[in-house]
N, C-alpha and C. Protein backbone atom coordinates (compact mmCIF):
# COMPACT_ATOMS: atom_id res chain seq x y z
N MET A 1 13.67 -4.56 12.74
CA MET A 1 13.47 -3.24 12.17
C MET A 1 12.11 -2.69 12.57
N GLY A 2 11.92 -1.40 12.30
CA GLY A 2 10.68 -0.73 12.65
C GLY A 2 9.54 -1.12 11.74
N CYS A 3 8.34 -0.86 12.18
CA CYS A 3 7.15 -1.31 11.46
C CYS A 3 7.02 -0.74 10.05
N PHE A 4 7.50 0.48 9.81
CA PHE A 4 7.40 1.07 8.47
C PHE A 4 8.77 1.27 7.82
N SER A 5 9.83 0.80 8.47
CA SER A 5 11.16 1.01 7.92
C SER A 5 11.29 0.33 6.56
N HIS A 6 11.98 1.00 5.67
CA HIS A 6 12.23 0.53 4.31
C HIS A 6 10.97 0.41 3.46
N CYS A 7 9.90 1.11 3.86
CA CYS A 7 8.70 1.19 3.01
C CYS A 7 8.94 2.37 2.06
N THR A 8 9.68 2.10 1.02
CA THR A 8 10.16 3.17 0.16
C THR A 8 9.08 3.87 -0.65
N SER A 9 7.89 3.31 -0.72
CA SER A 9 6.80 3.96 -1.45
C SER A 9 5.77 4.61 -0.52
N LEU A 10 5.96 4.50 0.78
CA LEU A 10 5.03 5.08 1.75
C LEU A 10 5.07 6.61 1.64
N ARG A 11 3.91 7.22 1.35
CA ARG A 11 3.85 8.67 1.16
C ARG A 11 3.18 9.40 2.31
N TYR A 12 2.23 8.75 2.99
CA TYR A 12 1.46 9.39 4.06
C TYR A 12 1.23 8.42 5.19
N ALA A 13 1.08 8.98 6.40
CA ALA A 13 0.74 8.15 7.56
C ALA A 13 -0.16 8.95 8.48
N ILE A 14 -1.19 8.31 8.98
CA ILE A 14 -2.07 8.91 9.97
C ILE A 14 -1.95 8.07 11.23
N LEU A 15 -1.47 8.70 12.29
CA LEU A 15 -1.23 8.01 13.54
C LEU A 15 -2.38 8.31 14.51
N PRO A 16 -2.88 7.31 15.23
CA PRO A 16 -4.08 7.47 16.06
C PRO A 16 -3.89 8.35 17.29
N ASP A 17 -5.01 8.81 17.82
CA ASP A 17 -4.96 9.67 19.01
C ASP A 17 -4.53 8.91 20.26
N THR A 18 -4.52 7.59 20.20
CA THR A 18 -4.12 6.77 21.34
C THR A 18 -2.61 6.47 21.35
N LEU A 19 -1.90 6.90 20.33
CA LEU A 19 -0.47 6.62 20.21
C LEU A 19 0.32 7.34 21.31
N THR A 20 1.20 6.61 21.99
CA THR A 20 2.00 7.22 23.06
C THR A 20 3.50 7.14 22.78
N HIS A 21 3.92 6.28 21.84
CA HIS A 21 5.35 6.09 21.59
C HIS A 21 5.57 5.70 20.13
N ILE A 22 6.61 6.25 19.52
CA ILE A 22 7.04 5.85 18.18
C ILE A 22 8.43 5.27 18.34
N GLY A 23 8.56 3.99 18.08
CA GLY A 23 9.80 3.28 18.33
C GLY A 23 10.93 3.61 17.36
N SER A 24 12.13 3.30 17.79
CA SER A 24 13.32 3.48 16.97
C SER A 24 13.16 2.74 15.65
N TYR A 25 13.62 3.33 14.61
CA TYR A 25 13.59 2.78 13.25
C TYR A 25 12.18 2.67 12.65
N CYS A 26 11.17 3.16 13.34
CA CYS A 26 9.79 3.02 12.86
C CYS A 26 9.61 3.55 11.44
N PHE A 27 10.16 4.72 11.15
CA PHE A 27 10.03 5.31 9.82
C PHE A 27 11.39 5.46 9.14
N TYR A 28 12.34 4.62 9.52
CA TYR A 28 13.69 4.70 8.95
C TYR A 28 13.66 4.32 7.47
N ASN A 29 14.35 5.09 6.66
CA ASN A 29 14.46 4.84 5.22
C ASN A 29 13.08 4.79 4.55
N THR A 30 12.34 5.87 4.73
CA THR A 30 11.05 6.05 4.04
C THR A 30 11.16 7.32 3.21
N PRO A 31 11.94 7.29 2.14
CA PRO A 31 12.28 8.50 1.39
C PRO A 31 11.10 9.19 0.71
N ALA A 32 10.01 8.49 0.46
CA ALA A 32 8.86 9.09 -0.22
C ALA A 32 7.86 9.71 0.76
N LEU A 33 8.12 9.57 2.07
CA LEU A 33 7.18 10.06 3.08
C LEU A 33 7.04 11.58 2.99
N GLU A 34 5.82 12.04 2.64
CA GLU A 34 5.55 13.46 2.47
C GLU A 34 4.98 14.11 3.72
N TRP A 35 4.06 13.39 4.39
CA TRP A 35 3.50 13.94 5.62
C TRP A 35 3.01 12.85 6.56
N VAL A 36 3.00 13.24 7.84
CA VAL A 36 2.47 12.38 8.89
C VAL A 36 1.47 13.23 9.67
N LYS A 37 0.27 12.71 9.84
CA LYS A 37 -0.74 13.36 10.66
C LYS A 37 -0.80 12.58 11.96
N CYS A 38 -0.49 13.27 13.05
CA CYS A 38 -0.49 12.63 14.36
C CYS A 38 -1.66 13.20 15.15
N LEU A 39 -2.63 12.37 15.46
CA LEU A 39 -3.86 12.80 16.12
C LEU A 39 -3.73 12.89 17.64
N ALA A 40 -2.63 12.42 18.19
CA ALA A 40 -2.43 12.41 19.65
C ALA A 40 -2.33 13.84 20.19
N THR A 41 -3.02 14.09 21.31
CA THR A 41 -2.96 15.42 21.92
C THR A 41 -1.76 15.58 22.85
N VAL A 42 -1.10 14.49 23.15
CA VAL A 42 0.18 14.51 23.87
C VAL A 42 1.22 13.97 22.90
N PRO A 43 2.30 14.73 22.65
CA PRO A 43 3.30 14.25 21.69
C PRO A 43 3.84 12.87 22.09
N PRO A 44 3.76 11.90 21.20
CA PRO A 44 4.30 10.58 21.51
C PRO A 44 5.80 10.67 21.77
N THR A 45 6.29 9.89 22.71
CA THR A 45 7.73 9.84 22.91
C THR A 45 8.34 9.15 21.70
N LEU A 46 9.60 9.47 21.45
CA LEU A 46 10.30 8.90 20.30
C LEU A 46 11.34 7.91 20.79
N GLY A 47 11.53 6.85 20.05
CA GLY A 47 12.43 5.77 20.44
C GLY A 47 13.85 6.22 20.73
N ASN A 48 14.31 7.20 20.01
CA ASN A 48 15.64 7.73 20.23
C ASN A 48 15.59 9.19 19.83
N THR A 49 15.82 10.09 20.75
CA THR A 49 15.69 11.52 20.46
C THR A 49 17.00 12.16 20.00
N ASP A 50 18.03 11.38 19.77
CA ASP A 50 19.31 11.90 19.29
C ASP A 50 19.27 11.97 17.76
N PRO A 51 19.14 13.19 17.18
CA PRO A 51 19.01 13.28 15.72
C PRO A 51 20.24 12.84 14.95
N SER A 52 21.37 12.65 15.62
CA SER A 52 22.56 12.18 14.90
C SER A 52 22.62 10.65 14.86
N ASN A 53 21.68 10.00 15.51
CA ASN A 53 21.67 8.54 15.60
C ASN A 53 20.70 7.99 14.57
N ASN A 54 21.10 6.98 13.84
CA ASN A 54 20.24 6.40 12.81
C ASN A 54 18.97 5.76 13.36
N ALA A 55 18.89 5.55 14.65
CA ALA A 55 17.69 4.97 15.23
C ALA A 55 16.57 6.00 15.36
N PHE A 56 16.88 7.26 15.18
CA PHE A 56 15.86 8.31 15.29
C PHE A 56 14.74 8.03 14.30
N PRO A 57 13.47 7.97 14.76
CA PRO A 57 12.39 7.52 13.89
C PRO A 57 12.26 8.24 12.55
N PHE A 58 12.51 9.55 12.51
CA PHE A 58 12.33 10.28 11.26
C PHE A 58 13.67 10.78 10.71
N ARG A 59 14.75 10.09 11.02
CA ARG A 59 16.12 10.52 10.68
C ARG A 59 16.30 10.84 9.21
N ASN A 60 15.83 10.02 8.33
CA ASN A 60 16.06 10.21 6.90
C ASN A 60 14.83 10.75 6.19
N SER A 61 14.01 11.47 6.92
CA SER A 61 12.77 11.97 6.35
C SER A 61 12.74 13.49 6.35
N THR A 62 12.12 14.05 5.34
CA THR A 62 11.92 15.50 5.30
C THR A 62 10.44 15.82 5.30
N CYS A 63 9.64 14.89 5.76
CA CYS A 63 8.19 15.05 5.73
C CYS A 63 7.71 16.13 6.70
N ASN A 64 6.51 16.60 6.46
CA ASN A 64 5.85 17.54 7.36
C ASN A 64 4.98 16.76 8.33
N PHE A 65 4.70 17.39 9.47
CA PHE A 65 3.89 16.77 10.51
C PHE A 65 2.71 17.67 10.79
N TYR A 66 1.52 17.09 10.85
CA TYR A 66 0.30 17.82 11.14
C TYR A 66 -0.26 17.29 12.45
N VAL A 67 -0.47 18.21 13.40
CA VAL A 67 -0.89 17.83 14.75
C VAL A 67 -2.10 18.67 15.16
N PRO A 68 -2.82 18.26 16.21
CA PRO A 68 -3.96 19.06 16.67
C PRO A 68 -3.54 20.50 16.97
N ASP A 69 -4.34 21.44 16.50
CA ASP A 69 -4.03 22.86 16.64
C ASP A 69 -3.68 23.27 18.07
N ALA A 70 -4.44 22.80 19.03
CA ALA A 70 -4.28 23.24 20.43
C ALA A 70 -2.96 22.81 21.05
N VAL A 71 -2.28 21.83 20.46
CA VAL A 71 -1.05 21.32 21.08
C VAL A 71 0.18 21.47 20.18
N ILE A 72 0.09 22.30 19.19
CA ILE A 72 1.23 22.46 18.27
C ILE A 72 2.50 22.89 19.00
N ASN A 73 2.38 23.79 19.96
CA ASN A 73 3.56 24.24 20.70
C ASN A 73 4.13 23.14 21.58
N ASP A 74 3.27 22.25 22.07
CA ASP A 74 3.74 21.10 22.85
C ASP A 74 4.62 20.20 21.99
N TYR A 75 4.20 19.95 20.76
CA TYR A 75 4.99 19.14 19.83
C TYR A 75 6.32 19.81 19.52
N LYS A 76 6.26 21.10 19.24
CA LYS A 76 7.48 21.82 18.86
C LYS A 76 8.52 21.87 19.98
N ALA A 77 8.07 21.70 21.23
CA ALA A 77 8.98 21.74 22.38
C ALA A 77 9.37 20.35 22.89
N ALA A 78 8.69 19.32 22.46
CA ALA A 78 8.93 17.97 22.98
C ALA A 78 10.26 17.39 22.52
N ALA A 79 10.83 16.56 23.35
CA ALA A 79 12.11 15.91 23.03
C ALA A 79 12.02 15.18 21.70
N GLY A 80 12.97 15.42 20.84
CA GLY A 80 13.00 14.80 19.52
C GLY A 80 12.17 15.57 18.51
N TRP A 81 10.96 15.90 18.88
CA TRP A 81 10.08 16.67 17.99
C TRP A 81 10.64 18.07 17.77
N SER A 82 11.30 18.63 18.77
CA SER A 82 11.80 20.00 18.66
C SER A 82 12.79 20.17 17.51
N SER A 83 13.51 19.12 17.16
CA SER A 83 14.46 19.21 16.05
C SER A 83 13.74 19.28 14.70
N MET A 84 12.43 19.03 14.71
CA MET A 84 11.62 19.09 13.48
C MET A 84 10.58 20.21 13.56
N ALA A 85 10.76 21.14 14.50
CA ALA A 85 9.76 22.18 14.76
C ALA A 85 9.34 22.95 13.52
N SER A 86 10.26 23.20 12.61
CA SER A 86 9.93 23.96 11.40
C SER A 86 9.04 23.19 10.44
N ARG A 87 8.88 21.90 10.69
CA ARG A 87 8.04 21.05 9.82
C ARG A 87 6.78 20.59 10.51
N ILE A 88 6.46 21.18 11.68
CA ILE A 88 5.25 20.82 12.42
C ILE A 88 4.21 21.91 12.21
N PHE A 89 3.03 21.49 11.74
CA PHE A 89 1.97 22.43 11.38
C PHE A 89 0.64 22.02 12.02
N PRO A 90 -0.27 22.99 12.21
CA PRO A 90 -1.58 22.64 12.75
C PRO A 90 -2.42 21.91 11.70
N MET A 91 -3.30 21.06 12.13
CA MET A 91 -4.15 20.31 11.19
C MET A 91 -5.14 21.22 10.45
N SER A 92 -5.50 22.33 11.05
CA SER A 92 -6.54 23.18 10.42
C SER A 92 -6.09 23.86 9.19
């Protein structure tokens, strides 16, 4: 399973600027997850970009994503991230 999968009390996550990939099931079944701050200036690739597949990292999450202001449009257009575009916001 993924590193944070089934962490049912996890509410927040801050991902480092060096992150390049978020693996399948990483945040699977994290129902309390409210927000993720991703410091990477290049959107990390996602383990599975098919939103109908349970392996999609944020499949069962309704959390918001906060990313560097200058690259918000890059995140909103990136594979997998684009399906969550309405929940991606600038950090400022």
